[in-house]
Amino acid sequence: MEDKKKLFVGNLSWGIDDAKLNEIFSEFGEVAEAKVITDKFSGRSKGFGFVTYANEADATKAAESLNEKEVEGRPITVNVAKPMKPRD
């Protein structure tokens, strides 16, 4: 079952960290967690992350408002995160 409060955010600029991601998305409601995914060896951003809201309505509003919006020069992708598929 997918969690409609958790959003996938793609095509992030390399300069965006967890705090900046939280700042961008908190405009639409209470952010429970904002996490930029980084390479475990280099520590560099992989260019995507996840934002979890306290409630579904805020998550929906943020996804609709921010999908394809330009942030730091790049159009970001925002949609409901899909559950991770198990690896074989």
N, C-alpha and C. Protein backbone atom coordinates (compact mmCIF):
# COMPACT_ATOMS: atom_id res chain seq x y z
N MET A 1 0.84 -1.20 0.00
CA MET A 1 0.00 0.00 0.00
C MET A 1 0.88 1.25 0.00
N GLU A 2 0.56 2.19 -0.87
CA GLU A 2 1.39 3.39 -0.90
C GLU A 2 0.94 4.40 0.15
N ASP A 3 1.92 5.13 0.65
CA ASP A 3 1.68 6.16 1.65
C ASP A 3 1.53 7.48 0.90
N LYS A 4 0.33 8.00 0.83
CA LYS A 4 0.07 9.21 0.05
C LYS A 4 0.63 10.48 0.71
N LYS A 5 1.18 10.35 1.92
CA LYS A 5 1.80 11.51 2.58
C LYS A 5 3.28 11.63 2.20
N LYS A 6 3.83 10.59 1.56
CA LYS A 6 5.25 10.58 1.21
C LYS A 6 5.40 10.88 -0.28
N LEU A 7 6.21 11.91 -0.58
CA LEU A 7 6.42 12.33 -1.96
C LEU A 7 7.83 12.03 -2.43
N PHE A 8 7.93 11.61 -3.68
CA PHE A 8 9.23 11.47 -4.35
C PHE A 8 9.52 12.81 -5.01
N VAL A 9 10.75 13.30 -4.87
CA VAL A 9 11.15 14.56 -5.49
C VAL A 9 12.39 14.28 -6.33
N GLY A 10 12.28 14.46 -7.64
CA GLY A 10 13.38 14.14 -8.54
C GLY A 10 13.92 15.37 -9.26
N ASN A 11 15.08 15.20 -9.89
CA ASN A 11 15.78 16.24 -10.66
C ASN A 11 16.20 17.42 -9.79
N LEU A 12 16.62 17.12 -8.57
CA LEU A 12 17.07 18.18 -7.65
C LEU A 12 18.45 18.68 -8.05
N SER A 13 18.66 19.96 -7.84
CA SER A 13 19.98 20.54 -8.04
C SER A 13 20.92 19.97 -6.97
N TRP A 14 22.21 19.83 -7.31
CA TRP A 14 23.19 19.23 -6.39
C TRP A 14 23.33 20.03 -5.10
N GLY A 15 22.98 21.31 -5.13
CA GLY A 15 23.16 22.17 -3.96
C GLY A 15 22.06 22.04 -2.91
N ILE A 16 21.03 21.28 -3.20
CA ILE A 16 19.91 21.16 -2.25
C ILE A 16 20.20 20.05 -1.24
N ASP A 17 20.11 20.42 0.05
CA ASP A 17 20.32 19.44 1.12
C ASP A 17 18.98 19.23 1.85
N ASP A 18 19.01 18.42 2.90
CA ASP A 18 17.78 18.11 3.65
C ASP A 18 17.08 19.39 4.14
N ALA A 19 17.85 20.33 4.68
CA ALA A 19 17.28 21.56 5.24
C ALA A 19 16.61 22.40 4.14
N LYS A 20 17.25 22.52 3.01
CA LYS A 20 16.71 23.31 1.89
C LYS A 20 15.44 22.63 1.34
N LEU A 21 15.47 21.31 1.24
CA LEU A 21 14.30 20.55 0.77
C LEU A 21 13.11 20.79 1.71
N ASN A 22 13.40 20.73 3.01
CA ASN A 22 12.37 20.98 4.02
C ASN A 22 11.81 22.40 3.85
N GLU A 23 12.70 23.36 3.64
CA GLU A 23 12.29 24.76 3.49
C GLU A 23 11.35 24.95 2.28
N ILE A 24 11.70 24.33 1.16
CA ILE A 24 10.90 24.44 -0.07
C ILE A 24 9.49 23.87 0.15
N PHE A 25 9.42 22.71 0.79
CA PHE A 25 8.15 22.01 0.93
C PHE A 25 7.32 22.44 2.13
N SER A 26 7.94 23.06 3.15
CA SER A 26 7.19 23.45 4.35
C SER A 26 6.19 24.57 4.06
N GLU A 27 6.36 25.23 2.93
CA GLU A 27 5.43 26.27 2.49
C GLU A 27 4.00 25.70 2.32
N PHE A 28 3.90 24.39 2.10
CA PHE A 28 2.60 23.77 1.82
C PHE A 28 2.01 23.01 3.01
N GLY A 29 2.71 22.99 4.14
CA GLY A 29 2.19 22.31 5.32
C GLY A 29 3.31 21.76 6.17
N GLU A 30 2.91 21.03 7.21
CA GLU A 30 3.87 20.49 8.17
C GLU A 30 4.63 19.30 7.58
N VAL A 31 5.95 19.48 7.43
CA VAL A 31 6.81 18.42 6.90
C VAL A 31 7.30 17.58 8.07
N ALA A 32 7.02 16.27 8.02
CA ALA A 32 7.49 15.36 9.06
C ALA A 32 8.95 14.99 8.83
N GLU A 33 9.33 14.83 7.54
CA GLU A 33 10.71 14.49 7.21
C GLU A 33 11.02 14.91 5.78
N ALA A 34 12.22 15.44 5.56
CA ALA A 34 12.69 15.78 4.22
C ALA A 34 14.10 15.21 4.10
N LYS A 35 14.31 14.34 3.13
CA LYS A 35 15.57 13.61 3.03
C LYS A 35 16.06 13.58 1.59
N VAL A 36 17.26 14.14 1.36
CA VAL A 36 17.91 14.04 0.05
C VAL A 36 18.74 12.76 0.08
N ILE A 37 18.59 11.94 -0.95
CA ILE A 37 19.33 10.68 -1.01
C ILE A 37 20.74 10.95 -1.51
N THR A 38 21.72 10.44 -0.75
CA THR A 38 23.12 10.68 -1.10
C THR A 38 23.85 9.37 -1.37
N ASP A 39 24.93 9.48 -2.11
CA ASP A 39 25.77 8.32 -2.39
C ASP A 39 26.49 7.96 -1.09
N LYS A 40 26.45 6.68 -0.72
CA LYS A 40 27.02 6.30 0.59
C LYS A 40 28.55 6.39 0.62
N PHE A 41 29.18 6.43 -0.55
CA PHE A 41 30.64 6.52 -0.57
C PHE A 41 31.12 7.96 -0.67
N SER A 42 30.55 8.73 -1.60
CA SER A 42 31.03 10.11 -1.80
C SER A 42 30.27 11.12 -0.96
N GLY A 43 29.05 10.77 -0.51
CA GLY A 43 28.25 11.70 0.25
C GLY A 43 27.53 12.72 -0.62
N ARG A 44 27.74 12.67 -1.94
CA ARG A 44 27.09 13.62 -2.85
C ARG A 44 25.63 13.24 -3.07
N SER A 45 24.83 14.26 -3.32
CA SER A 45 23.42 14.05 -3.62
C SER A 45 23.27 13.21 -4.88
N LYS A 46 22.27 12.34 -4.88
CA LYS A 46 21.96 11.57 -6.08
C LYS A 46 20.93 12.30 -6.95
N GLY A 47 20.53 13.50 -6.51
CA GLY A 47 19.61 14.31 -7.31
C GLY A 47 18.14 14.02 -7.07
N PHE A 48 17.85 13.25 -6.01
CA PHE A 48 16.45 13.02 -5.67
C PHE A 48 16.31 12.85 -4.17
N GLY A 49 15.07 12.91 -3.72
CA GLY A 49 14.83 12.75 -2.29
C GLY A 49 13.37 12.46 -2.02
N PHE A 50 13.02 12.47 -0.75
CA PHE A 50 11.65 12.18 -0.32
C PHE A 50 11.23 13.19 0.72
N VAL A 51 9.97 13.58 0.65
CA VAL A 51 9.39 14.49 1.64
C VAL A 51 8.14 13.82 2.17
N THR A 52 8.06 13.72 3.51
CA THR A 52 6.88 13.12 4.15
C THR A 52 6.14 14.22 4.91
N TYR A 53 4.87 14.34 4.64
CA TYR A 53 4.03 15.34 5.30
C TYR A 53 3.29 14.72 6.47
N ALA A 54 2.83 15.57 7.39
CA ALA A 54 2.04 15.13 8.53
C ALA A 54 0.67 14.66 8.07
N ASN A 55 0.15 15.25 6.97
CA ASN A 55 -1.16 14.80 6.48
C ASN A 55 -1.20 14.77 4.95
N GLU A 56 -2.13 13.98 4.45
CA GLU A 56 -2.26 13.71 3.03
C GLU A 56 -2.65 14.95 2.21
N ALA A 57 -3.51 15.80 2.77
CA ALA A 57 -3.97 16.99 2.04
C ALA A 57 -2.80 17.91 1.70
N ASP A 58 -1.88 18.13 2.65
CA ASP A 58 -0.71 18.98 2.40
C ASP A 58 0.19 18.36 1.34
N ALA A 59 0.35 17.05 1.39
CA ALA A 59 1.19 16.35 0.42
C ALA A 59 0.62 16.51 -0.99
N THR A 60 -0.69 16.35 -1.11
CA THR A 60 -1.36 16.49 -2.41
C THR A 60 -1.19 17.91 -2.95
N LYS A 61 -1.39 18.89 -2.08
CA LYS A 61 -1.26 20.30 -2.46
C LYS A 61 0.17 20.59 -2.93
N ALA A 62 1.16 20.09 -2.21
CA ALA A 62 2.56 20.32 -2.58
C ALA A 62 2.90 19.67 -3.91
N ALA A 63 2.44 18.43 -4.11
CA ALA A 63 2.72 17.72 -5.35
C ALA A 63 2.13 18.47 -6.54
N GLU A 64 0.90 18.93 -6.39
CA GLU A 64 0.24 19.65 -7.48
C GLU A 64 0.92 20.99 -7.75
N SER A 65 1.38 21.67 -6.71
CA SER A 65 1.99 22.99 -6.86
C SER A 65 3.43 22.94 -7.36
N LEU A 66 4.18 21.94 -6.92
CA LEU A 66 5.62 21.94 -7.20
C LEU A 66 6.06 21.05 -8.37
N ASN A 67 5.21 20.12 -8.81
CA ASN A 67 5.62 19.25 -9.92
C ASN A 67 5.93 20.09 -11.16
N GLU A 68 7.11 19.89 -11.73
CA GLU A 68 7.62 20.59 -12.91
C GLU A 68 7.93 22.07 -12.66
N LYS A 69 7.92 22.50 -11.40
CA LYS A 69 8.28 23.87 -11.06
C LYS A 69 9.81 23.97 -11.05
N GLU A 70 10.32 25.11 -11.50
CA GLU A 70 11.77 25.28 -11.53
C GLU A 70 12.29 25.67 -10.15
N VAL A 71 13.23 24.87 -9.65
CA VAL A 71 13.86 25.13 -8.36
C VAL A 71 15.37 25.11 -8.58
N GLU A 72 16.02 26.24 -8.30
CA GLU A 72 17.47 26.38 -8.53
C GLU A 72 17.85 25.97 -9.96
N GLY A 73 17.03 26.43 -10.91
CA GLY A 73 17.37 26.24 -12.32
C GLY A 73 16.98 24.90 -12.93
N ARG A 74 16.33 24.03 -12.15
CA ARG A 74 15.94 22.72 -12.69
C ARG A 74 14.47 22.45 -12.42
N PRO A 75 13.74 21.95 -13.44
CA PRO A 75 12.33 21.60 -13.21
C PRO A 75 12.27 20.31 -12.39
N ILE A 76 11.72 20.38 -11.19
CA ILE A 76 11.69 19.20 -10.33
C ILE A 76 10.45 18.34 -10.62
N THR A 77 10.58 17.06 -10.35
CA THR A 77 9.48 16.11 -10.48
C THR A 77 8.98 15.80 -9.08
N VAL A 78 7.69 15.93 -8.87
CA VAL A 78 7.12 15.63 -7.55
C VAL A 78 5.89 14.76 -7.74
N ASN A 79 5.90 13.58 -7.13
CA ASN A 79 4.72 12.73 -7.14
C ASN A 79 4.72 11.82 -5.92
N VAL A 80 3.62 11.12 -5.71
CA VAL A 80 3.50 10.22 -4.56
C VAL A 80 4.56 9.13 -4.71
N ALA A 81 5.32 8.91 -3.65
CA ALA A 81 6.38 7.90 -3.68
C ALA A 81 5.77 6.51 -3.78
N LYS A 82 6.38 5.69 -4.60
CA LYS A 82 5.93 4.30 -4.73
C LYS A 82 6.74 3.44 -3.78
N PRO A 83 6.15 2.40 -3.22
CA PRO A 83 6.92 1.53 -2.31
C PRO A 83 8.11 0.92 -3.03
N MET A 84 9.20 0.77 -2.31
CA MET A 84 10.41 0.20 -2.89
C MET A 84 10.15 -1.25 -3.27
N LYS A 85 10.56 -1.62 -4.48
CA LYS A 85 10.38 -3.01 -4.91
C LYS A 85 11.48 -3.86 -4.31
N PRO A 86 11.14 -5.04 -3.83
CA PRO A 86 12.19 -5.91 -3.26
C PRO A 86 13.18 -6.33 -4.35
N ARG A 87 14.45 -6.33 -4.00
CA ARG A 87 15.48 -6.76 -4.95
C ARG A 87 15.66 -8.26 -4.87
N ASP A 88 15.94 -8.86 -6.02
CA ASP A 88 16.15 -10.31 -6.04
C ASP A 88 17.52 -10.68 -5.55
